[in-house]
Each structure stands twice: as structure tokens, then as C-alpha cells.
N, C-alpha and C. Protein backbone atom coordinates (compact mmCIF):
# COMPACT_ATOMS: atom_id res chain seq x y z
N MET A 1 0.82 -1.20 0.00
CA MET A 1 0.00 0.00 0.00
C MET A 1 0.86 1.26 0.00
N LYS A 2 1.97 1.20 0.76
CA LYS A 2 2.86 2.36 0.83
C LYS A 2 3.48 2.65 -0.54
N ASN A 3 3.84 1.60 -1.29
CA ASN A 3 4.42 1.78 -2.63
C ASN A 3 3.41 2.39 -3.58
N LEU A 4 2.13 2.01 -3.44
CA LEU A 4 1.09 2.55 -4.30
C LEU A 4 0.92 4.05 -4.08
N LYS A 5 1.02 4.50 -2.83
CA LYS A 5 0.91 5.93 -2.52
C LYS A 5 2.04 6.73 -3.17
N ILE A 6 3.18 6.12 -3.32
CA ILE A 6 4.32 6.80 -3.94
C ILE A 6 4.24 6.71 -5.46
N LYS A 7 3.86 5.55 -5.98
CA LYS A 7 3.86 5.33 -7.43
C LYS A 7 2.74 6.08 -8.15
N LEU A 8 1.57 6.19 -7.55
CA LEU A 8 0.44 6.83 -8.20
C LEU A 8 0.71 8.31 -8.52
N PRO A 9 1.19 9.12 -7.57
CA PRO A 9 1.52 10.50 -7.94
C PRO A 9 2.66 10.59 -8.97
N LEU A 10 3.62 9.68 -8.87
CA LEU A 10 4.73 9.66 -9.83
C LEU A 10 4.24 9.36 -11.24
N VAL A 11 3.31 8.42 -11.38
CA VAL A 11 2.73 8.11 -12.69
C VAL A 11 1.96 9.32 -13.21
N GLY A 12 1.21 10.00 -12.34
CA GLY A 12 0.47 11.19 -12.74
C GLY A 12 1.39 12.30 -13.23
N ILE A 13 2.48 12.52 -12.54
CA ILE A 13 3.44 13.55 -12.96
C ILE A 13 4.07 13.20 -14.29
N CYS A 14 4.40 11.94 -14.50
CA CYS A 14 4.98 11.50 -15.79
C CYS A 14 3.97 11.68 -16.93
N MET A 15 2.71 11.34 -16.69
CA MET A 15 1.68 11.51 -17.73
C MET A 15 1.49 12.99 -18.06
N LEU A 16 1.47 13.84 -17.05
CA LEU A 16 1.32 15.28 -17.28
C LEU A 16 2.50 15.82 -18.07
N ALA A 17 3.72 15.40 -17.73
CA ALA A 17 4.90 15.84 -18.48
C ALA A 17 4.83 15.38 -19.93
N TYR A 18 4.37 14.15 -20.15
CA TYR A 18 4.24 13.64 -21.51
C TYR A 18 3.21 14.45 -22.31
N LEU A 19 2.05 14.67 -21.72
CA LEU A 19 0.99 15.41 -22.41
C LEU A 19 1.41 16.83 -22.75
N THR A 20 2.10 17.51 -21.84
CA THR A 20 2.47 18.89 -22.10
C THR A 20 3.62 19.02 -23.09
N SER A 21 4.37 17.96 -23.29
CA SER A 21 5.50 18.06 -24.22
C SER A 21 5.22 17.46 -25.59
N VAL A 22 4.27 16.54 -25.72
CA VAL A 22 4.10 15.81 -26.96
C VAL A 22 2.79 16.07 -27.68
N CYS A 23 1.70 16.18 -26.99
CA CYS A 23 0.39 16.05 -27.61
C CYS A 23 -0.36 17.34 -27.92
N GLN A 24 0.27 18.48 -27.90
CA GLN A 24 -0.48 19.68 -28.24
C GLN A 24 -1.02 19.53 -29.66
N ALA A 25 -2.25 19.97 -29.86
CA ALA A 25 -2.95 19.70 -31.11
C ALA A 25 -2.26 20.31 -32.33
N TYR A 26 -1.72 21.50 -32.21
CA TYR A 26 -1.10 22.17 -33.35
C TYR A 26 0.28 22.68 -32.98
N GLN A 27 1.15 22.75 -33.96
CA GLN A 27 2.51 23.23 -33.75
C GLN A 27 2.53 24.75 -33.61
N GLN A 28 3.59 25.24 -33.00
CA GLN A 28 3.78 26.68 -32.88
C GLN A 28 3.83 27.31 -34.27
N GLY A 29 3.16 28.45 -34.44
CA GLY A 29 3.10 29.11 -35.73
C GLY A 29 1.93 28.68 -36.60
N THR A 30 1.08 27.80 -36.09
CA THR A 30 -0.07 27.30 -36.85
C THR A 30 -1.29 28.20 -36.62
N PHE A 31 -2.00 28.49 -37.70
CA PHE A 31 -3.27 29.20 -37.63
C PHE A 31 -4.37 28.20 -37.99
N SER A 32 -5.42 28.12 -37.17
CA SER A 32 -6.54 27.21 -37.44
C SER A 32 -7.86 27.96 -37.31
N MET A 33 -8.89 27.39 -37.90
CA MET A 33 -10.25 27.96 -37.83
C MET A 33 -11.19 26.86 -37.36
N SER A 34 -12.24 27.26 -36.67
CA SER A 34 -13.28 26.30 -36.31
C SER A 34 -14.65 26.96 -36.49
N ILE A 35 -15.58 26.13 -36.91
CA ILE A 35 -16.98 26.53 -37.08
C ILE A 35 -17.76 25.68 -36.10
N ALA A 36 -18.62 26.32 -35.30
CA ALA A 36 -19.24 25.58 -34.21
C ALA A 36 -20.70 25.93 -34.00
N GLY A 37 -21.38 24.97 -33.39
CA GLY A 37 -22.71 25.18 -32.85
C GLY A 37 -22.59 25.25 -31.35
N GLU A 38 -23.45 26.05 -30.72
CA GLU A 38 -23.40 26.23 -29.28
C GLU A 38 -24.78 26.10 -28.66
N VAL A 39 -24.80 25.62 -27.43
CA VAL A 39 -26.00 25.63 -26.61
C VAL A 39 -25.70 26.56 -25.44
N LEU A 40 -26.60 27.50 -25.19
CA LEU A 40 -26.42 28.49 -24.12
C LEU A 40 -27.47 28.25 -23.04
N PHE A 41 -27.01 28.04 -21.82
CA PHE A 41 -27.91 27.82 -20.69
C PHE A 41 -27.93 29.08 -19.83
N ALA A 42 -29.09 29.72 -19.75
CA ALA A 42 -29.24 30.96 -18.98
C ALA A 42 -28.97 30.68 -17.50
N GLN A 43 -28.30 31.61 -16.84
CA GLN A 43 -27.97 31.48 -15.43
C GLN A 43 -28.53 32.67 -14.65
N GLY A 44 -28.78 32.48 -13.37
CA GLY A 44 -29.21 33.56 -12.49
C GLY A 44 -30.48 34.25 -12.94
N ILE A 45 -30.46 35.57 -12.97
CA ILE A 45 -31.62 36.38 -13.33
C ILE A 45 -32.08 36.09 -14.75
N LEU A 46 -31.14 35.86 -15.65
CA LEU A 46 -31.49 35.57 -17.04
C LEU A 46 -32.31 34.28 -17.16
N ALA A 47 -32.05 33.31 -16.30
CA ALA A 47 -32.80 32.04 -16.32
C ALA A 47 -34.26 32.25 -15.92
N GLN A 48 -34.56 33.32 -15.19
CA GLN A 48 -35.94 33.61 -14.81
C GLN A 48 -36.75 34.16 -15.97
N SER A 49 -36.08 34.79 -16.94
CA SER A 49 -36.79 35.44 -18.03
C SER A 49 -36.61 34.77 -19.40
N HIS A 50 -35.58 33.92 -19.54
CA HIS A 50 -35.29 33.33 -20.85
C HIS A 50 -34.94 31.85 -20.75
N ASN A 51 -35.30 31.13 -21.81
CA ASN A 51 -34.98 29.71 -21.92
C ASN A 51 -33.55 29.54 -22.42
N ALA A 52 -33.11 28.29 -22.46
CA ALA A 52 -31.81 27.98 -23.07
C ALA A 52 -31.84 28.44 -24.53
N GLY A 53 -30.70 28.78 -25.05
CA GLY A 53 -30.63 29.28 -26.42
C GLY A 53 -29.60 28.55 -27.25
N LEU A 54 -29.48 28.99 -28.49
CA LEU A 54 -28.53 28.41 -29.43
C LEU A 54 -27.63 29.50 -29.97
N GLY A 55 -26.50 29.08 -30.49
CA GLY A 55 -25.59 30.02 -31.11
C GLY A 55 -24.75 29.32 -32.16
N SER A 56 -24.12 30.12 -32.98
CA SER A 56 -23.13 29.60 -33.92
C SER A 56 -21.97 30.59 -33.90
N THR A 57 -20.76 30.05 -33.95
CA THR A 57 -19.58 30.89 -33.87
C THR A 57 -18.51 30.42 -34.84
N VAL A 58 -17.64 31.36 -35.18
CA VAL A 58 -16.44 31.09 -35.97
C VAL A 58 -15.27 31.55 -35.11
N LYS A 59 -14.27 30.67 -34.95
CA LYS A 59 -13.13 31.00 -34.11
C LYS A 59 -11.85 30.82 -34.89
N GLY A 60 -10.97 31.80 -34.81
CA GLY A 60 -9.63 31.69 -35.36
C GLY A 60 -8.66 31.53 -34.20
N GLU A 61 -7.64 30.71 -34.39
CA GLU A 61 -6.67 30.46 -33.32
C GLU A 61 -5.27 30.45 -33.90
N TYR A 62 -4.36 31.17 -33.25
CA TYR A 62 -2.96 31.20 -33.66
C TYR A 62 -2.11 30.72 -32.49
N VAL A 63 -1.36 29.62 -32.70
CA VAL A 63 -0.49 29.07 -31.67
C VAL A 63 0.83 29.83 -31.73
N PHE A 64 1.11 30.65 -30.70
CA PHE A 64 2.33 31.46 -30.72
C PHE A 64 3.37 31.02 -29.71
N GLY A 65 3.02 30.10 -28.83
CA GLY A 65 3.97 29.59 -27.84
C GLY A 65 3.87 28.08 -27.76
N LYS A 66 4.75 27.49 -26.96
CA LYS A 66 4.75 26.03 -26.85
C LYS A 66 3.40 25.52 -26.34
N HIS A 67 2.79 26.25 -25.42
CA HIS A 67 1.52 25.82 -24.84
C HIS A 67 0.43 26.89 -24.91
N VAL A 68 0.68 27.99 -25.62
CA VAL A 68 -0.23 29.13 -25.57
C VAL A 68 -0.67 29.54 -26.97
N SER A 69 -1.95 29.88 -27.09
CA SER A 69 -2.46 30.39 -28.36
C SER A 69 -3.39 31.58 -28.11
N ALA A 70 -3.57 32.38 -29.15
CA ALA A 70 -4.49 33.52 -29.11
C ALA A 70 -5.71 33.17 -29.96
N THR A 71 -6.89 33.62 -29.54
CA THR A 71 -8.12 33.33 -30.28
C THR A 71 -8.89 34.61 -30.58
N MET A 72 -9.65 34.57 -31.65
CA MET A 72 -10.62 35.61 -32.02
C MET A 72 -11.92 34.88 -32.35
N VAL A 73 -13.04 35.36 -31.80
CA VAL A 73 -14.33 34.68 -31.97
C VAL A 73 -15.41 35.70 -32.30
N SER A 74 -16.31 35.32 -33.19
CA SER A 74 -17.52 36.09 -33.42
C SER A 74 -18.62 35.11 -33.82
N GLY A 75 -19.84 35.55 -33.69
CA GLY A 75 -20.95 34.66 -34.02
C GLY A 75 -22.29 35.30 -33.77
N TYR A 76 -23.26 34.45 -33.46
CA TYR A 76 -24.63 34.90 -33.23
C TYR A 76 -25.25 34.03 -32.15
N TYR A 77 -25.90 34.66 -31.14
CA TYR A 77 -26.61 33.97 -30.07
C TYR A 77 -28.10 34.31 -30.17
N PHE A 78 -28.93 33.33 -29.82
CA PHE A 78 -30.38 33.56 -29.78
C PHE A 78 -30.97 32.82 -28.59
N MET A 79 -31.77 33.52 -27.78
CA MET A 79 -32.44 32.91 -26.63
C MET A 79 -33.91 33.34 -26.63
N ASN A 80 -34.83 32.35 -26.51
CA ASN A 80 -36.27 32.62 -26.44
C ASN A 80 -36.65 33.14 -25.07
N GLU A 81 -37.64 34.03 -25.07
CA GLU A 81 -38.16 34.55 -23.81
C GLU A 81 -39.10 33.52 -23.18
N LYS A 82 -39.29 33.67 -21.86
CA LYS A 82 -40.29 32.87 -21.15
C LYS A 82 -41.53 33.74 -20.99
N ARG A 83 -42.67 33.11 -20.96
CA ARG A 83 -43.92 33.85 -20.70
C ARG A 83 -44.11 33.88 -19.17
N ILE A 84 -44.05 35.07 -18.61
CA ILE A 84 -44.15 35.23 -17.15
C ILE A 84 -45.44 35.94 -16.81
N SER A 85 -46.33 35.26 -16.09
CA SER A 85 -47.61 35.82 -15.65
C SER A 85 -48.36 36.49 -16.79
N GLY A 86 -48.40 35.84 -17.94
CA GLY A 86 -49.12 36.36 -19.08
C GLY A 86 -48.42 37.49 -19.82
N VAL A 87 -47.22 37.85 -19.39
CA VAL A 87 -46.46 38.93 -20.04
C VAL A 87 -45.39 38.30 -20.93
N ASN A 88 -45.38 38.70 -22.17
CA ASN A 88 -44.33 38.22 -23.07
C ASN A 88 -43.15 39.18 -23.04
N LEU A 89 -41.99 38.64 -22.79
CA LEU A 89 -40.76 39.42 -22.89
C LEU A 89 -40.22 39.24 -24.29
N GLU A 90 -39.20 39.98 -24.64
CA GLU A 90 -38.63 39.86 -25.97
C GLU A 90 -37.51 38.83 -25.98
N ASP A 91 -37.33 38.19 -27.14
CA ASP A 91 -36.22 37.27 -27.33
C ASP A 91 -34.91 38.05 -27.29
N ILE A 92 -33.80 37.34 -27.05
CA ILE A 92 -32.49 37.97 -27.10
C ILE A 92 -31.77 37.51 -28.35
N SER A 93 -31.30 38.45 -29.13
CA SER A 93 -30.40 38.20 -30.25
C SER A 93 -29.14 38.99 -29.95
N ALA A 94 -27.99 38.33 -30.07
CA ALA A 94 -26.75 39.03 -29.72
C ALA A 94 -25.61 38.60 -30.64
N ILE A 95 -24.70 39.53 -30.86
CA ILE A 95 -23.50 39.27 -31.64
C ILE A 95 -22.30 39.53 -30.73
N PRO A 96 -21.56 38.46 -30.37
CA PRO A 96 -20.35 38.64 -29.56
C PRO A 96 -19.12 38.78 -30.45
N ILE A 97 -18.16 39.56 -29.99
CA ILE A 97 -16.85 39.65 -30.63
C ILE A 97 -15.83 39.58 -29.49
N LYS A 98 -15.03 38.50 -29.49
CA LYS A 98 -14.14 38.25 -28.35
C LYS A 98 -12.72 37.93 -28.82
N ALA A 99 -11.76 38.27 -27.97
CA ALA A 99 -10.36 37.87 -28.14
C ALA A 99 -9.95 37.15 -26.86
N GLY A 100 -9.09 36.16 -27.00
CA GLY A 100 -8.73 35.42 -25.80
C GLY A 100 -7.41 34.69 -25.91
N LEU A 101 -7.10 33.98 -24.84
CA LEU A 101 -5.90 33.15 -24.76
C LEU A 101 -6.28 31.76 -24.31
N ARG A 102 -5.53 30.77 -24.79
CA ARG A 102 -5.68 29.39 -24.35
C ARG A 102 -4.33 28.90 -23.85
N TYR A 103 -4.37 28.11 -22.78
CA TYR A 103 -3.16 27.45 -22.29
C TYR A 103 -3.41 25.95 -22.37
N TYR A 104 -2.52 25.25 -23.07
CA TYR A 104 -2.69 23.82 -23.33
C TYR A 104 -1.89 22.95 -22.38
N LEU A 105 -2.52 21.85 -21.99
CA LEU A 105 -1.88 20.70 -21.35
C LEU A 105 -2.23 19.52 -22.24
N GLY A 106 -1.42 19.25 -23.23
CA GLY A 106 -1.76 18.25 -24.24
C GLY A 106 -2.83 18.84 -25.14
N SER A 107 -3.88 18.09 -25.39
CA SER A 107 -4.97 18.62 -26.21
C SER A 107 -6.03 19.30 -25.34
N PHE A 108 -5.92 19.17 -24.03
CA PHE A 108 -6.83 19.79 -23.06
C PHE A 108 -6.36 21.22 -22.81
N TYR A 109 -7.29 22.18 -22.64
CA TYR A 109 -6.90 23.57 -22.45
C TYR A 109 -7.83 24.31 -21.51
N GLY A 110 -7.29 25.37 -20.94
CA GLY A 110 -8.06 26.36 -20.20
C GLY A 110 -8.07 27.62 -21.04
N ALA A 111 -9.17 28.37 -21.02
CA ALA A 111 -9.29 29.54 -21.89
C ALA A 111 -9.94 30.70 -21.16
N GLY A 112 -9.56 31.89 -21.57
CA GLY A 112 -10.19 33.11 -21.09
C GLY A 112 -10.40 34.04 -22.28
N GLU A 113 -11.53 34.75 -22.30
CA GLU A 113 -11.85 35.66 -23.41
C GLU A 113 -12.44 36.95 -22.86
N LEU A 114 -12.21 38.03 -23.59
CA LEU A 114 -12.75 39.34 -23.25
C LEU A 114 -13.16 40.01 -24.54
N GLY A 115 -14.28 40.71 -24.52
CA GLY A 115 -14.72 41.37 -25.75
C GLY A 115 -15.97 42.19 -25.55
N GLY A 116 -16.67 42.39 -26.65
CA GLY A 116 -17.90 43.17 -26.64
C GLY A 116 -19.06 42.35 -27.16
N ILE A 117 -20.26 42.81 -26.82
CA ILE A 117 -21.48 42.15 -27.28
C ILE A 117 -22.50 43.22 -27.65
N VAL A 118 -23.18 43.00 -28.76
CA VAL A 118 -24.26 43.88 -29.19
C VAL A 118 -25.53 43.05 -29.10
N SER A 119 -26.49 43.51 -28.29
CA SER A 119 -27.70 42.75 -28.02
C SER A 119 -28.93 43.52 -28.50
N SER A 120 -29.90 42.78 -29.02
CA SER A 120 -31.18 43.40 -29.37
C SER A 120 -32.29 42.56 -28.74
N GLY A 121 -33.47 43.12 -28.69
CA GLY A 121 -34.58 42.40 -28.07
C GLY A 121 -34.71 42.83 -26.62
N PHE A 122 -34.62 41.88 -25.72
CA PHE A 122 -34.83 42.09 -24.29
C PHE A 122 -33.94 43.22 -23.73
N ALA A 123 -32.67 43.19 -24.05
CA ALA A 123 -31.75 44.24 -23.59
C ALA A 123 -31.09 44.85 -24.82
N LYS A 124 -31.66 45.93 -25.31
CA LYS A 124 -31.16 46.55 -26.56
C LYS A 124 -29.97 47.43 -26.23
N LYS A 125 -28.84 46.80 -25.98
CA LYS A 125 -27.66 47.54 -25.58
C LYS A 125 -26.41 46.83 -26.09
N SER A 126 -25.32 47.55 -26.05
CA SER A 126 -24.03 46.92 -26.29
C SER A 126 -23.27 46.97 -24.98
N GLY A 127 -22.32 46.06 -24.84
CA GLY A 127 -21.60 46.03 -23.58
C GLY A 127 -20.36 45.17 -23.67
N ILE A 128 -19.88 44.82 -22.50
CA ILE A 128 -18.64 44.04 -22.36
C ILE A 128 -19.01 42.62 -21.96
N LEU A 129 -18.25 41.66 -22.46
CA LEU A 129 -18.42 40.28 -22.01
C LEU A 129 -17.07 39.68 -21.70
N TYR A 130 -17.08 38.73 -20.79
CA TYR A 130 -15.88 37.95 -20.50
C TYR A 130 -16.30 36.52 -20.26
N SER A 131 -15.38 35.60 -20.51
CA SER A 131 -15.67 34.20 -20.29
C SER A 131 -14.42 33.45 -19.86
N VAL A 132 -14.63 32.39 -19.11
CA VAL A 132 -13.57 31.45 -18.74
C VAL A 132 -14.10 30.05 -18.97
N GLY A 133 -13.23 29.16 -19.40
CA GLY A 133 -13.72 27.81 -19.66
C GLY A 133 -12.61 26.80 -19.85
N LEU A 134 -13.05 25.56 -20.10
CA LEU A 134 -12.16 24.42 -20.34
C LEU A 134 -12.58 23.75 -21.63
N GLY A 135 -11.63 23.14 -22.31
CA GLY A 135 -11.96 22.46 -23.55
C GLY A 135 -10.97 21.36 -23.87
N ASP A 136 -11.26 20.67 -24.95
CA ASP A 136 -10.40 19.58 -25.41
C ASP A 136 -10.53 19.48 -26.92
N LYS A 137 -9.44 19.10 -27.56
CA LYS A 137 -9.47 18.85 -29.01
C LYS A 137 -9.38 17.36 -29.23
N LEU A 138 -10.34 16.82 -29.93
CA LEU A 138 -10.40 15.39 -30.19
C LEU A 138 -10.25 15.11 -31.68
N ARG A 139 -9.51 14.08 -32.00
CA ARG A 139 -9.39 13.64 -33.38
C ARG A 139 -10.24 12.38 -33.52
N ILE A 140 -11.18 12.43 -34.45
CA ILE A 140 -12.00 11.27 -34.78
C ILE A 140 -11.74 10.97 -36.24
N ARG A 141 -11.06 9.89 -36.47
CA ARG A 141 -10.51 9.56 -37.79
C ARG A 141 -9.58 10.69 -38.22
N GLN A 142 -9.81 11.36 -39.32
CA GLN A 142 -8.94 12.46 -39.76
C GLN A 142 -9.52 13.84 -39.45
N ARG A 143 -10.54 13.92 -38.63
CA ARG A 143 -11.20 15.18 -38.32
C ARG A 143 -10.84 15.63 -36.90
N VAL A 144 -10.71 16.95 -36.70
CA VAL A 144 -10.42 17.50 -35.38
C VAL A 144 -11.66 18.26 -34.90
N PHE A 145 -12.10 17.95 -33.68
CA PHE A 145 -13.25 18.61 -33.07
C PHE A 145 -12.81 19.31 -31.80
N ASP A 146 -13.30 20.53 -31.62
CA ASP A 146 -13.00 21.33 -30.45
C ASP A 146 -14.26 21.36 -29.59
N ILE A 147 -14.17 20.79 -28.40
CA ILE A 147 -15.32 20.72 -27.48
C ILE A 147 -14.98 21.55 -26.25
N ALA A 148 -15.86 22.49 -25.89
CA ALA A 148 -15.55 23.39 -24.77
C ALA A 148 -16.79 23.70 -23.94
N LEU A 149 -16.56 23.99 -22.68
CA LEU A 149 -17.59 24.41 -21.74
C LEU A 149 -17.07 25.69 -21.09
N ARG A 150 -17.92 26.75 -21.04
CA ARG A 150 -17.45 28.02 -20.49
C ARG A 150 -18.57 28.72 -19.71
N HIS A 151 -18.15 29.61 -18.83
CA HIS A 151 -19.06 30.53 -18.16
C HIS A 151 -18.83 31.89 -18.82
N GLU A 152 -19.91 32.53 -19.25
CA GLU A 152 -19.79 33.82 -19.93
C GLU A 152 -20.70 34.83 -19.24
N SER A 153 -20.18 36.01 -18.99
CA SER A 153 -20.95 37.07 -18.33
C SER A 153 -21.03 38.29 -19.25
N TRP A 154 -22.22 38.86 -19.36
CA TRP A 154 -22.46 40.04 -20.20
C TRP A 154 -22.79 41.21 -19.30
N THR A 155 -22.10 42.32 -19.46
CA THR A 155 -22.42 43.55 -18.74
C THR A 155 -22.94 44.55 -19.77
N LEU A 156 -24.25 44.79 -19.74
CA LEU A 156 -24.92 45.67 -20.69
C LEU A 156 -25.41 46.90 -19.93
N GLY A 157 -24.55 47.90 -19.80
CA GLY A 157 -24.90 49.07 -19.01
C GLY A 157 -25.00 48.68 -17.54
N ASP A 158 -26.18 48.84 -16.95
CA ASP A 158 -26.37 48.48 -15.54
C ASP A 158 -26.92 47.06 -15.37
N ILE A 159 -27.03 46.31 -16.46
CA ILE A 159 -27.55 44.94 -16.43
C ILE A 159 -26.41 43.95 -16.61
N THR A 160 -26.34 42.95 -15.74
CA THR A 160 -25.36 41.88 -15.90
C THR A 160 -26.10 40.56 -16.02
N ARG A 161 -25.79 39.79 -17.04
CA ARG A 161 -26.41 38.50 -17.27
C ARG A 161 -25.32 37.46 -17.51
N ALA A 162 -25.65 36.19 -17.25
CA ALA A 162 -24.65 35.13 -17.41
C ALA A 162 -25.25 33.91 -18.09
N VAL A 163 -24.40 33.21 -18.82
CA VAL A 163 -24.78 31.95 -19.46
C VAL A 163 -23.65 30.94 -19.28
N ILE A 164 -24.02 29.68 -19.36
CA ILE A 164 -23.05 28.59 -19.49
C ILE A 164 -23.15 28.16 -20.94
N GLY A 165 -22.03 28.16 -21.63
CA GLY A 165 -22.01 27.80 -23.05
C GLY A 165 -21.32 26.47 -23.28
N PHE A 166 -21.92 25.63 -24.09
CA PHE A 166 -21.33 24.36 -24.51
C PHE A 166 -21.13 24.44 -26.01
N ARG A 167 -19.89 24.30 -26.47
CA ARG A 167 -19.53 24.51 -27.88
C ARG A 167 -18.92 23.24 -28.46
N ILE A 168 -19.40 22.83 -29.63
CA ILE A 168 -18.79 21.74 -30.39
C ILE A 168 -18.46 22.29 -31.77
N GLY A 169 -17.17 22.30 -32.09
CA GLY A 169 -16.73 22.88 -33.35
C GLY A 169 -15.91 21.92 -34.19
N TYR A 170 -16.00 22.10 -35.49
CA TYR A 170 -15.16 21.38 -36.43
C TYR A 170 -13.99 22.28 -36.75
N GLU A 171 -12.77 21.78 -36.58
CA GLU A 171 -11.58 22.61 -36.71
C GLU A 171 -10.67 22.11 -37.83
N PHE A 172 -10.01 23.05 -38.48
CA PHE A 172 -9.06 22.70 -39.53
C PHE A 172 -7.90 23.69 -39.53
N ALA A 173 -6.70 23.18 -39.79
CA ALA A 173 -5.51 24.02 -39.85
C ALA A 173 -5.50 24.76 -41.17
N ILE A 174 -5.09 26.02 -41.14
CA ILE A 174 -5.03 26.83 -42.35
C ILE A 174 -3.65 26.77 -42.99
N ASN A 175 -2.60 26.93 -42.19
CA ASN A 175 -1.27 27.04 -42.79
C ASN A 175 -0.33 25.87 -42.54
N ARG A 176 -0.68 24.89 -41.73
CA ARG A 176 0.17 23.73 -41.49
C ARG A 176 -0.68 22.54 -41.10
N SER A 177 -0.11 21.35 -41.24
CA SER A 177 -0.84 20.16 -40.81
C SER A 177 -0.70 20.00 -39.30
N GLN A 178 -1.70 19.42 -38.70
CA GLN A 178 -1.73 19.28 -37.26
C GLN A 178 -1.03 18.00 -36.82
N LYS A 179 -0.52 18.05 -35.58
CA LYS A 179 -0.07 16.82 -34.92
C LYS A 179 -1.32 16.07 -34.52
N SER A 180 -1.20 14.86 -34.04
CA SER A 180 -2.41 14.16 -33.68
C SER A 180 -2.84 14.45 -32.27
N PRO A 181 -4.03 15.08 -32.14
CA PRO A 181 -4.63 15.15 -30.81
C PRO A 181 -5.05 13.73 -30.44
N ARG A 182 -5.48 13.56 -29.25
CA ARG A 182 -5.88 12.26 -28.77
C ARG A 182 -6.87 11.63 -29.73
N ASP A 183 -6.63 10.38 -30.13
CA ASP A 183 -7.53 9.67 -31.03
C ASP A 183 -8.67 9.04 -30.27
N VAL A 184 -9.85 9.13 -30.84
CA VAL A 184 -11.04 8.49 -30.28
C VAL A 184 -11.57 7.56 -31.34
N SER A 185 -11.70 6.30 -31.01
CA SER A 185 -12.20 5.34 -32.00
C SER A 185 -13.71 5.30 -31.96
N LEU A 186 -14.33 5.62 -33.08
CA LEU A 186 -15.80 5.55 -33.20
C LEU A 186 -16.17 4.71 -34.38
């Protein structure tokens, strides 16, 4: 039992070292694009007035360091209103524009983004948004998929709203071929 307590953390450290040195999805200097569908789950006050929504986004990513990349994202979000006590609220349509950074541990990454959002409908305002999340790049046969979960907060003047976003994107390298992210047999 004592040997297991020593060996288990040692195996974990070796696996982490291997992942951070070998398995990053793209090489330094690579530019990639992804096209994605998103599901947005309203949180807090927004969940009281609106249902879950959908979105579509386009993301560009440039790997500039051994484990770090920069991202640019834009797209379209839509969330239906809830009928509250016979009162119809307006739907939310929004266009986000974000820039961010990703830090990779193999094909798994942590990400942060900051940008602006233009909203119409329920809150006809523009404002600031930020998000933090986790994701992974999976290779299924010869295709690369970017799967991510994030918390995103919108500050529209004196109104702050939040969503949890789940994104599944199809990704392709623009200027170089990719290394192999973790293979998944399907």
C-alpha cells in the first residue's frame, strides 16, 4: 500500500509531463479555424426570463507559444423569452466579438476571453463580455473537433447576465498540418 501511494503521484506527474511536451494539437506558428454550434444555458436572473438558447460561432486560433495560443471569436446567439404571468418578454439576439488566450496541457486547455457584445430584443444595448472555460481537441478519424464548456458574463450598461455555453466545433488548420490530438475510435 505504501508503494502505491508513492507510485500513483509519480505516474500522474509522468503523464502530465508527456501530455504537455508531446500532444499539443497544433505546432507553434499554426493558424486554425473552427466553425461551431453552441447551446447556451441561462444562469441567475437571465434564467428567470429566458430559456436555453442556441448560437453559432467562428473561431480563429494562432499558436504562438509552446503551450499558448491567441483566439478571435464572433458569431450569433439567440435565446427565447419565457412567458411570465401572461407577459411576453422579448427574445435575445446578440452578436459577440471576443479575443482570448488558451493554455494547453496536451490537447486539453483552459481559456479566457474578453470582448464586446451587441444585443437586441430584451436588452437593446451593447456592452462588455468575459468568459472562462475548459476544452479539449479530439481527433475522430482524420477530423479535429473542439469541445468546450465556459461561463460567460455580459455587462450591458447596468444589467449583468450570465450563461453557461457548450460549444462543439469542427476545426481545420489553415497554414500547417496538425499533430495528432488524442484519437477516439468511433
